[in-house]
Amino acid sequence: MTKSKLAVTPLPDRVLLDLSSDCNLRCPMCVVHGNTDDPRVNSIIKKNMKISDAKKILNEIEGSTQIIGPGLWSEPLMGKDILMNLENIKLRGLKISLNTNALLLNKEIASKLIEIGVDSITISIDATTNDTLKLIRGIRKLEKIEKHITQFLELRGEKSIPRLGVSFTKQPENIHEEQDFIKKWTEVVDFVRVGEIFENGKFPNIKVDQKKRIPCPELYNTMAIHTNGDVSICCLDGFKDVIVGNAVKEGVENVWNGEKLNEIRNHHELGQWDKIPFCKNCDRWASSSYEDTIEGSLLIRRSAEYTFYNRIDRLKSWNNK
C-alpha cells in the first residue's frame, strides 16, 4: 500500500483527444461501438470536437505535453476535420500516436499523414484470415487492409516516420492465429503489438497479484478528453461514468490539478480502491511495468497487457517511452 503523496506534473504527459467519436466498425470487443444496447451510446457516438475547442486545448498544453492520441473509442480517420487537427497538433511540436483500422487509409490519406509527420500509426487487424476477421471485427476486408499497409510503406519509402505497426488482441476466436500473425508482420512493418483481452476491468487470461497493486499510473500521466471537452477518469471510461472536469471550460491544467482528480489520486495512494467504484476491481495498473529482451532481430518489450515486437533495424523512429 502506498501512503506517500506522488508528484503530479502541471500538465499531463499524454493527452487522448477524441476529435471524433464516430467509427466505421462495430467490433464485439469494443465497449462503445460494439454489440451493445446500452442507452448511453447515442449520447457518445457520432460527435466531432470543434476545431476552436481543439486549438484551445492544444495551445494550453503546447511545450508541456509530449504525445497526443487523436481518439478514444473511435476511428480517428472518420473525423471530418482530422487532417486539419493533425496539422494543428504538429504545428505545436507535439508527437502524434494514431490508432486506426486502416479501412480509410487510402493513397490520399496515407500521403497526407506522411506529409504532416504523424509520428506513429498502429493498425488494428487481429487476424490472418477473413474468417477470423469476420468473427473479431465483423468484416471480410483483410485484403483491403493489407493493400493499404503495403501502399503506405511504399509511399513512406526511406522515411523513418510515421512509425508503422499492427496490433493483435488475443481472444478465443483468434488465438490460434497469434504466432502466424507475429511471424508474418514482423517481416513487414516496424513493430507488432500483441495484447491481452481486457474485460470489465480484468485480464481474464492472466493472473495479477493484487498484493502488488500500486496507484494507477494513468492518473499521473494521461488525460482522456471527449469531444465536448469532458475529461473522464481514464481512457477506459468510454461512457463518461466518472467526469472530473471539462478541459475546454475549465482549462486542462485546472482539471489535471483539480480537486476531483486529486481526490481520486489520494484514494489510490492510500489503497482505498473501494472508494472509487470505477477503479475498485480494475487491473490496468499492472500494465505499467515492463521488461525488454532481445531475441534475434527483435527488441521485445513485455508487460502484463502488451508484448511489443520491435524490429531492431527500424528503431530509428522508436520512442523508448
C-alpha atoms as a PDB file:
ATOM      1  CA  MET A   1       0.000   0.000   0.000  1.00  0.00           C
ATOM      2  CA  THR A   2       1.362   3.416  -0.965  1.00  0.00           C
ATOM      3  CA  LYS A   3       0.893   6.175   1.601  1.00  0.00           C
ATOM      4  CA  SER A   4       3.240   8.867   0.317  1.00  0.00           C
ATOM      5  CA  LYS A   5       1.973  11.661  -1.901  1.00  0.00           C
ATOM      6  CA  LEU A   6       3.043  11.148  -5.513  1.00  0.00           C
ATOM      7  CA  ALA A   7       4.150  14.056  -7.643  1.00  0.00           C
ATOM      8  CA  VAL A   8       1.767  15.420 -10.264  1.00  0.00           C
ATOM      9  CA  THR A   9       3.106  17.346 -13.249  1.00  0.00           C
ATOM     10  CA  PRO A  10       1.466  20.719 -14.075  1.00  0.00           C
ATOM     11  CA  LEU A  11       0.087  19.194 -17.298  1.00  0.00           C
ATOM     12  CA  PRO A  12      -0.324  15.575 -18.461  1.00  0.00           C
ATOM     13  CA  ASP A  13       2.492  13.975 -20.463  1.00  0.00           C
ATOM     14  CA  ARG A  14      -0.048  12.334 -22.756  1.00  0.00           C
ATOM     15  CA  VAL A  15      -3.443  13.562 -23.909  1.00  0.00           C
ATOM     16  CA  LEU A  16      -6.027  11.368 -25.625  1.00  0.00           C
ATOM     17  CA  LEU A  17      -8.057  13.843 -27.635  1.00  0.00           C
ATOM     18  CA  ASP A  18     -11.295  12.437 -29.008  1.00  0.00           C
ATOM     19  CA  LEU A  19     -11.550  14.628 -32.094  1.00  0.00           C
ATOM     20  CA  SER A  20     -14.338  12.410 -33.441  1.00  0.00           C
ATOM     21  CA  SER A  21     -16.371   9.712 -31.724  1.00  0.00           C
ATOM     22  CA  ASP A  22     -17.502   8.029 -34.921  1.00  0.00           C
ATOM     23  CA  CYS A  23     -16.445   4.593 -36.174  1.00  0.00           C
ATOM     24  CA  ASN A  24     -16.966   2.530 -39.306  1.00  0.00           C
ATOM     25  CA  LEU A  25     -16.894  -0.806 -37.462  1.00  0.00           C
ATOM     26  CA  ARG A  26     -18.921  -2.436 -34.696  1.00  0.00           C
ATOM     27  CA  CYS A  27     -16.336  -4.779 -33.182  1.00  0.00           C
ATOM     28  CA  PRO A  28     -17.909  -7.014 -30.496  1.00  0.00           C
ATOM     29  CA  MET A  29     -14.988  -6.327 -28.119  1.00  0.00           C
ATOM     30  CA  CYS A  30     -15.475  -2.542 -28.306  1.00  0.00           C
ATOM     31  CA  VAL A  31     -17.181  -1.092 -25.237  1.00  0.00           C
ATOM     32  CA  VAL A  32     -18.749   1.845 -27.086  1.00  0.00           C
ATOM     33  CA  HIS A  33     -19.328   0.772 -30.692  1.00  0.00           C
ATOM     34  CA  GLY A  34     -19.694  -2.980 -30.162  1.00  0.00           C
ATOM     35  CA  ASN A  35     -22.793  -5.085 -29.876  1.00  0.00           C
ATOM     36  CA  THR A  36     -24.411  -3.188 -27.044  1.00  0.00           C
ATOM     37  CA  ASP A  37     -27.888  -1.991 -26.229  1.00  0.00           C
ATOM     38  CA  ASP A  38     -26.557   0.495 -23.711  1.00  0.00           C
ATOM     39  CA  PRO A  39     -28.824   3.568 -23.888  1.00  0.00           C
ATOM     40  CA  ARG A  40     -25.814   5.847 -23.323  1.00  0.00           C
ATOM     41  CA  VAL A  41     -24.403   5.068 -26.777  1.00  0.00           C
ATOM     42  CA  ASN A  42     -26.354   7.728 -28.650  1.00  0.00           C
ATOM     43  CA  SER A  43     -25.074  10.479 -26.377  1.00  0.00           C
ATOM     44  CA  ILE A  44     -21.468   9.474 -27.106  1.00  0.00           C
ATOM     45  CA  ILE A  45     -21.100   8.456 -30.748  1.00  0.00           C
ATOM     46  CA  LYS A  46     -21.013  10.476 -33.981  1.00  0.00           C
ATOM     47  CA  LYS A  47     -19.765  13.663 -32.369  1.00  0.00           C
ATOM     48  CA  ASN A  48     -16.932  15.932 -33.506  1.00  0.00           C
ATOM     49  CA  MET A  49     -14.821  18.266 -31.393  1.00  0.00           C
ATOM     50  CA  LYS A  50     -14.974  21.874 -32.513  1.00  0.00           C
ATOM     51  CA  ILE A  51     -11.733  22.998 -34.139  1.00  0.00           C
ATOM     52  CA  SER A  52     -11.734  26.048 -31.867  1.00  0.00           C
ATOM     53  CA  ASP A  53     -12.003  23.807 -28.795  1.00  0.00           C
ATOM     54  CA  ALA A  54      -9.193  21.568 -30.001  1.00  0.00           C
ATOM     55  CA  LYS A  55      -6.982  24.601 -30.632  1.00  0.00           C
ATOM     56  CA  LYS A  56      -7.719  25.966 -27.171  1.00  0.00           C
ATOM     57  CA  ILE A  57      -6.599  22.690 -25.603  1.00  0.00           C
ATOM     58  CA  LEU A  58      -3.520  22.412 -27.824  1.00  0.00           C
ATOM     59  CA  ASN A  59      -2.466  25.996 -27.117  1.00  0.00           C
ATOM     60  CA  GLU A  60      -2.546  25.307 -23.386  1.00  0.00           C
ATOM     61  CA  ILE A  61      -0.572  22.063 -23.442  1.00  0.00           C
ATOM     62  CA  GLU A  62       1.994  23.138 -26.062  1.00  0.00           C
ATOM     63  CA  GLY A  63       5.504  22.818 -24.683  1.00  0.00           C
ATOM     64  CA  SER A  64       4.478  20.531 -21.796  1.00  0.00           C
ATOM     65  CA  THR A  65       2.502  17.564 -23.105  1.00  0.00           C
ATOM     66  CA  GLN A  66       4.591  15.119 -25.137  1.00  0.00           C
ATOM     67  CA  ILE A  67       2.161  12.872 -27.005  1.00  0.00           C
ATOM     68  CA  ILE A  68      -1.343  13.239 -28.437  1.00  0.00           C
ATOM     69  CA  GLY A  69      -3.520  10.244 -29.191  1.00  0.00           C
ATOM     70  CA  PRO A  70      -6.203  11.604 -31.557  1.00  0.00           C
ATOM     71  CA  GLY A  71      -9.024   9.331 -30.481  1.00  0.00           C
ATOM     72  CA  LEU A  72     -10.572   7.237 -27.726  1.00  0.00           C
ATOM     73  CA  TRP A  73     -13.129   4.567 -28.669  1.00  0.00           C
ATOM     74  CA  SER A  74     -13.299   5.718 -32.276  1.00  0.00           C
ATOM     75  CA  GLU A  75     -11.813   5.567 -35.763  1.00  0.00           C
ATOM     76  CA  PRO A  76      -9.909   8.862 -35.986  1.00  0.00           C
ATOM     77  CA  LEU A  77      -9.901   8.926 -39.784  1.00  0.00           C
ATOM     78  CA  MET A  78     -13.701   9.281 -39.664  1.00  0.00           C
ATOM     79  CA  GLY A  79     -13.310  12.784 -38.241  1.00  0.00           C
ATOM     80  CA  LYS A  80     -14.399  15.453 -40.701  1.00  0.00           C
ATOM     81  CA  ASP A  81     -11.567  17.761 -39.627  1.00  0.00           C
ATOM     82  CA  ILE A  82      -8.973  15.112 -38.843  1.00  0.00           C
ATOM     83  CA  LEU A  83      -6.247  16.321 -41.220  1.00  0.00           C
ATOM     84  CA  MET A  84      -6.575  19.933 -40.104  1.00  0.00           C
ATOM     85  CA  ASN A  85      -6.471  18.836 -36.467  1.00  0.00           C
ATOM     86  CA  LEU A  86      -3.378  16.703 -37.038  1.00  0.00           C
ATOM     87  CA  GLU A  87      -1.672  19.649 -38.730  1.00  0.00           C
ATOM     88  CA  ASN A  88      -2.534  21.856 -35.762  1.00  0.00           C
ATOM     89  CA  ILE A  89      -1.050  19.287 -33.389  1.00  0.00           C
ATOM     90  CA  LYS A  90       2.236  19.063 -35.297  1.00  0.00           C
ATOM     91  CA  LEU A  91       2.467  22.860 -35.654  1.00  0.00           C
ATOM     92  CA  ARG A  92       2.726  22.949 -31.863  1.00  0.00           C
ATOM     93  CA  GLY A  93       5.576  20.444 -31.765  1.00  0.00           C
ATOM     94  CA  LEU A  94       3.537  17.626 -30.267  1.00  0.00           C
ATOM     95  CA  LYS A  95       4.009  13.976 -31.188  1.00  0.00           C
ATOM     96  CA  ILE A  96       1.066  12.014 -32.602  1.00  0.00           C
ATOM     97  CA  SER A  97       0.365   8.349 -31.931  1.00  0.00           C
ATOM     98  CA  LEU A  98      -2.613   7.304 -34.041  1.00  0.00           C
ATOM     99  CA  ASN A  99      -4.616   4.058 -33.939  1.00  0.00           C
ATOM    100  CA  THR A 100      -6.729   3.062 -36.934  1.00  0.00           C
ATOM    101  CA  ASN A 101      -8.390   0.071 -38.589  1.00  0.00           C
ATOM    102  CA  ALA A 102      -6.881   1.269 -41.919  1.00  0.00           C
ATOM    103  CA  LEU A 103     -10.084   0.889 -43.922  1.00  0.00           C
ATOM    104  CA  LEU A 104      -9.896   4.607 -44.803  1.00  0.00           C
ATOM    105  CA  LEU A 105      -6.115   4.673 -45.203  1.00  0.00           C
ATOM    106  CA  ASN A 106      -6.239   5.172 -48.948  1.00  0.00           C
ATOM    107  CA  LYS A 107      -3.443   6.707 -51.015  1.00  0.00           C
ATOM    108  CA  GLU A 108      -4.588  10.286 -50.483  1.00  0.00           C
ATOM    109  CA  ILE A 109      -4.950   9.956 -46.704  1.00  0.00           C
ATOM    110  CA  ALA A 110      -1.708   8.000 -46.364  1.00  0.00           C
ATOM    111  CA  SER A 111       0.187  10.664 -48.292  1.00  0.00           C
ATOM    112  CA  LYS A 112      -1.212  13.395 -46.047  1.00  0.00           C
ATOM    113  CA  LEU A 113      -0.333  11.559 -42.831  1.00  0.00           C
ATOM    114  CA  ILE A 114       3.227  11.152 -44.081  1.00  0.00           C
ATOM    115  CA  GLU A 115       3.390  14.802 -45.170  1.00  0.00           C
ATOM    116  CA  ILE A 116       2.019  16.042 -41.836  1.00  0.00           C
ATOM    117  CA  GLY A 117       4.598  13.962 -39.997  1.00  0.00           C
ATOM    118  CA  VAL A 118       2.424  11.761 -37.806  1.00  0.00           C
ATOM    119  CA  ASP A 119       4.922  10.004 -35.540  1.00  0.00           C
ATOM    120  CA  SER A 120       3.364   6.582 -35.073  1.00  0.00           C
ATOM    121  CA  ILE A 121       0.457   4.649 -36.574  1.00  0.00           C
ATOM    122  CA  THR A 122      -0.854   1.370 -35.193  1.00  0.00           C
ATOM    123  CA  ILE A 123      -3.261  -0.616 -37.351  1.00  0.00           C
ATOM    124  CA  SER A 124      -5.664  -2.958 -35.583  1.00  0.00           C
ATOM    125  CA  ILE A 125      -6.050  -6.201 -37.529  1.00  0.00           C
ATOM    126  CA  ASP A 126      -6.380  -9.098 -35.038  1.00  0.00           C
ATOM    127  CA  ALA A 127      -6.463 -11.826 -37.680  1.00  0.00           C
ATOM    128  CA  THR A 128      -4.618 -13.559 -40.507  1.00  0.00           C
ATOM    129  CA  THR A 129      -7.724 -14.830 -42.311  1.00  0.00           C
ATOM    130  CA  ASN A 130     -11.011 -13.285 -43.357  1.00  0.00           C
ATOM    131  CA  ASP A 131     -12.991 -15.904 -41.424  1.00  0.00           C
ATOM    132  CA  THR A 132     -11.345 -14.818 -38.191  1.00  0.00           C
ATOM    133  CA  LEU A 133     -11.545 -11.141 -39.094  1.00  0.00           C
ATOM    134  CA  LYS A 134     -15.279 -11.584 -39.518  1.00  0.00           C
ATOM    135  CA  LEU A 135     -15.566 -13.010 -36.008  1.00  0.00           C
ATOM    136  CA  ILE A 136     -13.406 -10.320 -34.409  1.00  0.00           C
ATOM    137  CA  ARG A 137     -14.300  -7.203 -36.410  1.00  0.00           C
ATOM    138  CA  GLY A 138     -17.402  -8.183 -38.354  1.00  0.00           C
ATOM    139  CA  ILE A 139     -15.876  -7.706 -41.822  1.00  0.00           C
ATOM    140  CA  ARG A 140     -14.143  -9.666 -44.579  1.00  0.00           C
ATOM    141  CA  LYS A 141     -11.789  -6.966 -45.819  1.00  0.00           C
ATOM    142  CA  LEU A 142      -8.363  -8.323 -44.924  1.00  0.00           C
ATOM    143  CA  GLU A 143      -7.094  -7.845 -48.474  1.00  0.00           C
ATOM    144  CA  LYS A 144      -8.083  -4.165 -48.410  1.00  0.00           C
ATOM    145  CA  ILE A 145      -6.304  -3.596 -45.099  1.00  0.00           C
ATOM    146  CA  GLU A 146      -3.167  -5.355 -46.318  1.00  0.00           C
ATOM    147  CA  LYS A 147      -3.234  -3.388 -49.570  1.00  0.00           C
ATOM    148  CA  HIS A 148      -3.395  -0.122 -47.629  1.00  0.00           C
ATOM    149  CA  ILE A 149      -0.434  -1.168 -45.472  1.00  0.00           C
ATOM    150  CA  THR A 150       1.685  -2.117 -48.483  1.00  0.00           C
ATOM    151  CA  GLN A 151       0.768   1.121 -50.230  1.00  0.00           C
ATOM    152  CA  PHE A 152       1.569   3.158 -47.111  1.00  0.00           C
ATOM    153  CA  LEU A 153       5.033   1.639 -46.793  1.00  0.00           C
ATOM    154  CA  GLU A 154       5.719   2.317 -50.474  1.00  0.00           C
ATOM    155  CA  LEU A 155       4.675   5.957 -50.055  1.00  0.00           C
ATOM    156  CA  ARG A 156       6.761   6.368 -46.902  1.00  0.00           C
ATOM    157  CA  GLY A 157       9.819   4.976 -48.642  1.00  0.00           C
ATOM    158  CA  GLU A 158      13.052   5.599 -46.731  1.00  0.00           C
ATOM    159  CA  LYS A 159      11.489   7.978 -44.216  1.00  0.00           C
ATOM    160  CA  SER A 160      11.614   6.846 -40.596  1.00  0.00           C
ATOM    161  CA  ILE A 161       8.190   8.257 -39.726  1.00  0.00           C
ATOM    162  CA  PRO A 162       5.380   7.597 -39.432  1.00  0.00           C
ATOM    163  CA  ARG A 163       6.487   4.517 -37.483  1.00  0.00           C
ATOM    164  CA  LEU A 164       4.071   1.797 -38.604  1.00  0.00           C
ATOM    165  CA  GLY A 165       2.847  -1.175 -36.611  1.00  0.00           C
ATOM    166  CA  VAL A 166      -0.010  -3.654 -36.457  1.00  0.00           C
ATOM    167  CA  SER A 167      -1.876  -4.985 -33.444  1.00  0.00           C
ATOM    168  CA  PHE A 168      -3.458  -8.264 -32.399  1.00  0.00           C
ATOM    169  CA  THR A 169      -5.689  -8.584 -29.328  1.00  0.00           C
ATOM    170  CA  LYS A 170      -5.826 -12.186 -28.152  1.00  0.00           C
ATOM    171  CA  GLN A 171      -9.304 -13.690 -27.997  1.00  0.00           C
ATOM    172  CA  PRO A 172     -10.725 -17.233 -28.153  1.00  0.00           C
ATOM    173  CA  GLU A 173     -11.697 -16.646 -31.795  1.00  0.00           C
ATOM    174  CA  ASN A 174      -8.202 -15.703 -32.983  1.00  0.00           C
ATOM    175  CA  ILE A 175      -5.676 -17.164 -30.541  1.00  0.00           C
ATOM    176  CA  HIS A 176      -4.822 -19.951 -32.993  1.00  0.00           C
ATOM    177  CA  GLU A 177      -3.502 -17.324 -35.419  1.00  0.00           C
ATOM    178  CA  GLU A 178      -1.268 -15.436 -32.973  1.00  0.00           C
ATOM    179  CA  GLN A 179       2.099 -16.936 -33.945  1.00  0.00           C
ATOM    180  CA  ASP A 180       1.408 -16.738 -37.677  1.00  0.00           C
ATOM    181  CA  PHE A 181       0.403 -13.094 -37.213  1.00  0.00           C
ATOM    182  CA  ILE A 182       3.656 -12.257 -35.415  1.00  0.00           C
ATOM    183  CA  LYS A 183       5.807 -14.090 -37.943  1.00  0.00           C
ATOM    184  CA  LYS A 184       4.068 -12.526 -40.917  1.00  0.00           C
ATOM    185  CA  TRP A 185       4.045  -8.909 -39.793  1.00  0.00           C
ATOM    186  CA  THR A 186       7.459  -8.644 -38.127  1.00  0.00           C
ATOM    187  CA  GLU A 187       8.826  -9.171 -41.622  1.00  0.00           C
ATOM    188  CA  VAL A 188       6.779  -6.247 -42.985  1.00  0.00           C
ATOM    189  CA  VAL A 189       6.125  -3.413 -40.505  1.00  0.00           C
ATOM    190  CA  ASP A 190       8.225  -1.662 -37.849  1.00  0.00           C
ATOM    191  CA  PHE A 191       6.564  -3.309 -34.863  1.00  0.00           C
ATOM    192  CA  VAL A 192       3.859  -5.753 -33.863  1.00  0.00           C
ATOM    193  CA  ARG A 193       1.767  -5.289 -30.731  1.00  0.00           C
ATOM    194  CA  VAL A 194       0.045  -8.289 -29.159  1.00  0.00           C
ATOM    195  CA  GLY A 195      -2.374  -7.507 -26.354  1.00  0.00           C
ATOM    196  CA  GLU A 196      -4.388  -9.365 -23.756  1.00  0.00           C
ATOM    197  CA  ILE A 197      -8.147  -9.026 -23.899  1.00  0.00           C
ATOM    198  CA  PHE A 198      -9.391  -6.635 -21.210  1.00  0.00           C
ATOM    199  CA  GLU A 199     -12.954  -7.111 -19.973  1.00  0.00           C
ATOM    200  CA  ASN A 200     -14.786  -5.424 -17.121  1.00  0.00           C
ATOM    201  CA  GLY A 201     -11.540  -4.180 -15.631  1.00  0.00           C
ATOM    202  CA  LYS A 202      -9.821  -7.573 -15.735  1.00  0.00           C
ATOM    203  CA  PHE A 203      -7.364  -9.564 -17.840  1.00  0.00           C
ATOM    204  CA  PRO A 204      -9.267 -12.866 -17.818  1.00  0.00           C
ATOM    205  CA  ASN A 205      -6.342 -14.870 -19.179  1.00  0.00           C
ATOM    206  CA  ILE A 206      -3.577 -13.712 -16.839  1.00  0.00           C
ATOM    207  CA  LYS A 207      -3.176 -13.654 -13.081  1.00  0.00           C
ATOM    208  CA  VAL A 208      -2.499 -10.302 -11.461  1.00  0.00           C
ATOM    209  CA  ASP A 209      -1.025 -10.232  -7.949  1.00  0.00           C
ATOM    210  CA  GLN A 210      -3.270  -7.825  -6.058  1.00  0.00           C
ATOM    211  CA  LYS A 211      -0.729  -7.594  -3.231  1.00  0.00           C
ATOM    212  CA  LYS A 212       1.492  -5.618  -5.604  1.00  0.00           C
ATOM    213  CA  ARG A 213      -1.190  -3.118  -6.556  1.00  0.00           C
ATOM    214  CA  ILE A 214       0.036   0.451  -6.971  1.00  0.00           C
ATOM    215  CA  PRO A 215      -1.694   3.764  -7.753  1.00  0.00           C
ATOM    216  CA  CYS A 216      -2.685   3.662 -11.410  1.00  0.00           C
ATOM    217  CA  PRO A 217      -0.009   5.487 -13.462  1.00  0.00           C
ATOM    218  CA  GLU A 218      -2.700   6.683 -15.882  1.00  0.00           C
ATOM    219  CA  LEU A 219      -3.849   9.123 -13.196  1.00  0.00           C
ATOM    220  CA  TYR A 220      -0.417  10.754 -13.270  1.00  0.00           C
ATOM    221  CA  ASN A 221       0.451  10.823 -16.956  1.00  0.00           C
ATOM    222  CA  THR A 222      -2.641  10.616 -19.191  1.00  0.00           C
ATOM    223  CA  MET A 223      -5.750  12.734 -19.686  1.00  0.00           C
ATOM    224  CA  ALA A 224      -8.731  11.471 -21.707  1.00  0.00           C
ATOM    225  CA  ILE A 225     -10.699  14.335 -23.274  1.00  0.00           C
ATOM    226  CA  HIS A 226     -14.005  13.664 -25.030  1.00  0.00           C
ATOM    227  CA  THR A 227     -15.433  15.561 -27.993  1.00  0.00           C
ATOM    228  CA  ASN A 228     -17.258  18.120 -25.834  1.00  0.00           C
ATOM    229  CA  GLY A 229     -14.238  18.705 -23.597  1.00  0.00           C
ATOM    230  CA  ASP A 230     -15.380  16.419 -20.778  1.00  0.00           C
ATOM    231  CA  VAL A 231     -12.462  14.700 -19.046  1.00  0.00           C
ATOM    232  CA  SER A 232     -13.172  11.165 -17.863  1.00  0.00           C
ATOM    233  CA  ILE A 233     -11.267   9.406 -15.116  1.00  0.00           C
ATOM    234  CA  CYS A 234      -9.282   7.460 -17.730  1.00  0.00           C
ATOM    235  CA  CYS A 235      -9.429   6.149 -21.305  1.00  0.00           C
ATOM    236  CA  LEU A 236     -11.382   3.057 -20.197  1.00  0.00           C
ATOM    237  CA  ASP A 237     -14.336   5.225 -19.201  1.00  0.00           C
ATOM    238  CA  GLY A 238     -15.920   5.193 -22.649  1.00  0.00           C
ATOM    239  CA  PHE A 239     -19.356   6.206 -21.371  1.00  0.00           C
ATOM    240  CA  LYS A 240     -18.048   9.005 -19.128  1.00  0.00           C
ATOM    241  CA  ASP A 241     -19.226   7.423 -15.887  1.00  0.00           C
ATOM    242  CA  VAL A 242     -16.717   9.495 -13.899  1.00  0.00           C
ATOM    243  CA  ILE A 243     -16.207  13.050 -15.169  1.00  0.00           C
ATOM    244  CA  VAL A 244     -13.502  15.022 -13.368  1.00  0.00           C
ATOM    245  CA  GLY A 245     -13.949  18.299 -15.260  1.00  0.00           C
ATOM    246  CA  ASN A 246     -14.095  19.918 -18.677  1.00  0.00           C
ATOM    247  CA  ALA A 247     -10.836  20.837 -20.415  1.00  0.00           C
ATOM    248  CA  VAL A 248     -12.463  23.462 -22.638  1.00  0.00           C
ATOM    249  CA  LYS A 249     -14.485  25.284 -19.995  1.00  0.00           C
ATOM    250  CA  GLU A 250     -12.054  24.971 -17.072  1.00  0.00           C
ATOM    251  CA  GLY A 251      -8.719  24.508 -18.798  1.00  0.00           C
ATOM    252  CA  VAL A 252      -6.508  21.419 -18.901  1.00  0.00           C
ATOM    253  CA  GLU A 253      -4.278  22.482 -16.014  1.00  0.00           C
ATOM    254  CA  ASN A 254      -7.188  23.281 -13.720  1.00  0.00           C
ATOM    255  CA  VAL A 255      -8.768  19.883 -14.336  1.00  0.00           C
ATOM    256  CA  TRP A 256      -5.457  17.999 -14.142  1.00  0.00           C
ATOM    257  CA  ASN A 257      -4.637  19.555 -10.782  1.00  0.00           C
ATOM    258  CA  GLY A 258      -8.239  19.898  -9.685  1.00  0.00           C
ATOM    259  CA  GLU A 259      -9.993  18.660  -6.589  1.00  0.00           C
ATOM    260  CA  LYS A 260     -11.753  15.696  -8.234  1.00  0.00           C
ATOM    261  CA  LEU A 261      -8.670  14.112  -9.786  1.00  0.00           C
ATOM    262  CA  ASN A 262      -6.550  14.783  -6.712  1.00  0.00           C
ATOM    263  CA  GLU A 263      -9.149  13.120  -4.514  1.00  0.00           C
ATOM    264  CA  ILE A 264      -9.053  10.035  -6.736  1.00  0.00           C
ATOM    265  CA  ARG A 265      -5.244  10.017  -6.684  1.00  0.00           C
ATOM    266  CA  ASN A 266      -5.294  10.299  -2.913  1.00  0.00           C
ATOM    267  CA  HIS A 267      -7.568   7.262  -2.590  1.00  0.00           C
ATOM    268  CA  HIS A 268      -5.188   5.306  -4.846  1.00  0.00           C
ATOM    269  CA  GLU A 269      -2.178   6.354  -2.795  1.00  0.00           C
ATOM    270  CA  LEU A 270      -3.901   5.200   0.391  1.00  0.00           C
ATOM    271  CA  GLY A 271      -5.005   1.927  -1.194  1.00  0.00           C
ATOM    272  CA  GLN A 272      -8.649   2.925  -0.784  1.00  0.00           C
ATOM    273  CA  TRP A 273      -9.792   1.309  -4.019  1.00  0.00           C
ATOM    274  CA  ASP A 274     -13.312   0.710  -2.659  1.00  0.00           C
ATOM    275  CA  LYS A 275     -13.938   4.454  -2.551  1.00  0.00           C
ATOM    276  CA  ILE A 276     -13.692   4.674  -6.349  1.00  0.00           C
ATOM    277  CA  PRO A 277     -16.188   2.160  -7.807  1.00  0.00           C
ATOM    278  CA  PHE A 278     -14.807   2.603 -11.336  1.00  0.00           C
ATOM    279  CA  CYS A 279     -11.304   1.664 -10.157  1.00  0.00           C
ATOM    280  CA  LYS A 280     -12.218  -0.858  -7.466  1.00  0.00           C
ATOM    281  CA  ASN A 281     -11.745  -4.042  -9.482  1.00  0.00           C
ATOM    282  CA  CYS A 282      -9.552  -2.706 -12.304  1.00  0.00           C
ATOM    283  CA  ASP A 283      -6.246  -4.443 -13.087  1.00  0.00           C
ATOM    284  CA  ARG A 284      -4.990  -1.967 -15.676  1.00  0.00           C
ATOM    285  CA  TRP A 285      -2.414  -0.651 -13.197  1.00  0.00           C
ATOM    286  CA  ALA A 286      -0.436  -3.879 -13.752  1.00  0.00           C
ATOM    287  CA  SER A 287       0.417  -2.806 -17.315  1.00  0.00           C
ATOM    288  CA  SER A 288       2.760  -0.048 -16.189  1.00  0.00           C
ATOM    289  CA  SER A 289       5.863  -2.174 -15.605  1.00  0.00           C
ATOM    290  CA  TYR A 290       7.700  -3.967 -18.386  1.00  0.00           C
ATOM    291  CA  GLU A 291      10.935  -5.701 -19.316  1.00  0.00           C
ATOM    292  CA  ASP A 292      12.949  -5.651 -22.527  1.00  0.00           C
ATOM    293  CA  THR A 293      14.726  -8.582 -24.142  1.00  0.00           C
ATOM    294  CA  ILE A 294      16.471  -9.055 -27.476  1.00  0.00           C
ATOM    295  CA  GLU A 295      15.563 -12.133 -29.447  1.00  0.00           C
ATOM    296  CA  GLY A 296      17.210 -12.386 -32.831  1.00  0.00           C
ATOM    297  CA  SER A 297      16.319  -9.333 -34.896  1.00  0.00           C
ATOM    298  CA  LEU A 298      13.675  -8.129 -32.446  1.00  0.00           C
ATOM    299  CA  LEU A 299      13.652  -5.981 -29.327  1.00  0.00           C
ATOM    300  CA  ILE A 300      10.738  -7.361 -27.345  1.00  0.00           C
ATOM    301  CA  ARG A 301       9.014  -5.350 -24.621  1.00  0.00           C
ATOM    302  CA  ARG A 302       6.648  -7.279 -22.339  1.00  0.00           C
ATOM    303  CA  SER A 303       4.150  -6.011 -19.785  1.00  0.00           C
ATOM    304  CA  ALA A 304       1.095  -7.647 -18.247  1.00  0.00           C
ATOM    305  CA  GLU A 305      -1.104  -6.365 -21.067  1.00  0.00           C
ATOM    306  CA  TYR A 306       1.113  -5.950 -24.117  1.00  0.00           C
ATOM    307  CA  THR A 307       4.036  -7.536 -25.893  1.00  0.00           C
ATOM    308  CA  PHE A 308       5.740  -5.320 -28.469  1.00  0.00           C
ATOM    309  CA  TYR A 309       7.926  -6.908 -31.131  1.00  0.00           C
ATOM    310  CA  ASN A 310      10.153  -4.069 -32.364  1.00  0.00           C
ATOM    311  CA  ARG A 311      12.313  -4.548 -35.442  1.00  0.00           C
ATOM    312  CA  ILE A 312      15.862  -3.639 -34.385  1.00  0.00           C
ATOM    313  CA  ASP A 313      16.643  -2.392 -37.883  1.00  0.00           C
ATOM    314  CA  ARG A 314      13.695   0.028 -37.597  1.00  0.00           C
ATOM    315  CA  LEU A 315      14.455   1.537 -34.180  1.00  0.00           C
ATOM    316  CA  LYS A 316      15.494   4.933 -35.514  1.00  0.00           C
ATOM    317  CA  SER A 317      11.964   6.243 -35.045  1.00  0.00           C
ATOM    318  CA  TRP A 318      11.306   4.342 -31.809  1.00  0.00           C
ATOM    319  CA  ASN A 319      10.339   6.307 -28.720  1.00  0.00           C
ATOM    320  CA  ASN A 320      11.738   4.309 -25.801  1.00  0.00           C
ATOM    321  CA  LYS A 321       8.992   5.683 -23.534  1.00  0.00           C
END
